[in-house]
Amino acid sequence: MNIKPLADRILVEPVEKNTVSPGGVIIPDTAKEKPQEGKVLAVGPGAMGDNGQRIPLEIKTGDRVLFSTYAGTEVKLDGKKLYIMKESEVLAVLE
């Protein structure tokens, strides 16, 4: 299934952290923190400015980004957990 975000939204696949602690303890799903890092899978065309022209996004497909804990809307596509969020909810791009 193809999905294309609208306006200034992006589609992010979260990067899951290790399920085993450094001491070897297995962390159950209920104790895991929500991911705050992900890979951008798709970007929208950009928001419309006051003058009627599109404002292009700074984030590109393939970028690794950091976002706040409660950013975006969680969706499931083809069995994968993904987030759709606005570009403004992204805190940083990892290089």
Protein backbone atom coordinates (compact mmCIF):
# COMPACT_ATOMS: atom_id res chain seq x y z
CA MET A 1 0.00 0.00 0.00
CA ASN A 2 1.32 3.44 -0.93
CA ILE A 3 0.73 6.40 1.33
CA LYS A 4 1.54 10.03 0.59
CA PRO A 5 1.30 12.56 3.42
CA LEU A 6 -0.50 15.82 2.73
CA ALA A 7 0.74 19.40 3.23
CA ASP A 8 3.58 19.63 5.78
CA ARG A 9 3.18 16.10 7.18
CA ILE A 10 5.73 13.30 7.11
CA LEU A 11 5.50 9.52 7.49
CA VAL A 12 8.00 8.10 9.99
CA GLU A 13 8.92 4.50 10.79
CA PRO A 14 10.06 4.36 14.44
CA VAL A 15 13.40 2.78 15.29
CA GLU A 16 12.86 0.35 18.15
CA LYS A 17 15.38 0.25 20.98
CA ASN A 18 16.97 -2.97 22.23
CA THR A 19 14.66 -5.34 24.10
CA VAL A 20 17.50 -6.48 26.38
CA SER A 21 19.09 -4.16 28.95
CA PRO A 22 22.88 -3.87 29.22
CA GLY A 23 22.70 -6.24 32.24
CA GLY A 24 20.96 -8.93 30.16
CA VAL A 25 17.42 -8.39 31.50
CA ILE A 26 14.69 -8.76 28.85
CA ILE A 27 12.43 -5.70 28.82
CA PRO A 28 8.72 -6.57 28.31
CA ASP A 29 6.59 -4.59 25.83
CA THR A 30 4.61 -2.99 28.67
CA ALA A 31 7.78 -1.44 30.16
CA LYS A 32 9.27 -0.14 26.91
CA GLU A 33 9.36 3.57 26.25
CA LYS A 34 7.74 4.94 23.12
CA PRO A 35 10.39 5.40 20.39
CA GLN A 36 11.64 8.91 19.79
CA GLU A 37 13.78 8.21 16.75
CA GLY A 38 12.71 7.16 13.30
CA LYS A 39 13.34 7.04 9.58
CA VAL A 40 11.31 9.26 7.24
CA LEU A 41 9.52 7.12 4.64
CA ALA A 42 7.55 9.85 2.83
CA VAL A 43 7.03 13.62 2.93
CA GLY A 44 4.18 15.84 1.82
CA PRO A 45 4.52 18.64 -0.75
CA GLY A 46 4.67 21.37 1.92
CA ALA A 47 2.25 23.79 3.55
CA MET A 48 0.58 26.63 1.67
CA GLY A 49 1.92 30.07 2.56
CA ASP A 50 -0.18 33.22 2.97
CA ASN A 51 0.73 34.23 -0.58
CA GLY A 52 -0.68 30.95 -2.00
CA GLN A 53 2.70 29.35 -2.75
CA ARG A 54 3.97 26.08 -1.29
CA ILE A 55 6.62 26.21 1.41
CA PRO A 56 8.87 23.18 0.79
CA LEU A 57 9.84 20.91 3.68
CA GLU A 58 13.38 20.82 5.07
CA ILE A 59 13.08 17.11 5.89
CA LYS A 60 13.64 14.60 3.07
CA THR A 61 12.74 10.96 2.58
CA GLY A 62 15.43 8.77 4.17
CA ASP A 63 16.37 11.25 6.94
CA ARG A 64 16.73 9.92 10.51
CA VAL A 65 14.85 12.21 12.88
CA LEU A 66 14.26 12.74 16.58
CA PHE A 67 10.74 13.64 17.73
CA SER A 68 8.99 14.22 21.04
CA THR A 69 7.43 11.33 22.94
CA TYR A 70 3.84 12.19 22.07
CA ALA A 71 4.40 13.50 18.54
CA GLY A 72 2.29 12.35 15.61
CA THR A 73 -0.53 9.93 15.11
CA GLU A 74 0.20 6.21 15.22
CA VAL A 75 -1.07 4.18 12.25
CA LYS A 76 -0.60 0.55 11.22
CA LEU A 77 0.05 -0.24 7.57
CA ASP A 78 0.94 -3.69 6.28
CA GLY A 79 1.56 -4.82 9.88
CA LYS A 80 4.06 -2.01 10.58
CA LYS A 81 3.65 0.68 13.21
CA LEU A 82 4.19 4.12 11.63
CA TYR A 83 3.67 7.74 12.67
CA ILE A 84 2.20 10.58 10.64
CA MET A 85 3.33 13.92 12.05
CA LYS A 86 3.80 17.53 11.08
CA GLU A 87 7.29 18.68 10.21
CA SER A 88 7.16 21.09 13.16
CA GLU A 89 6.91 18.12 15.58
CA VAL A 90 10.38 16.94 14.55
CA LEU A 91 13.06 18.12 16.99
CA ALA A 92 16.20 17.32 14.97
CA VAL A 93 17.61 15.51 11.95
CA LEU A 94 20.41 13.04 12.75
CA GLU A 95 23.42 13.15 10.44
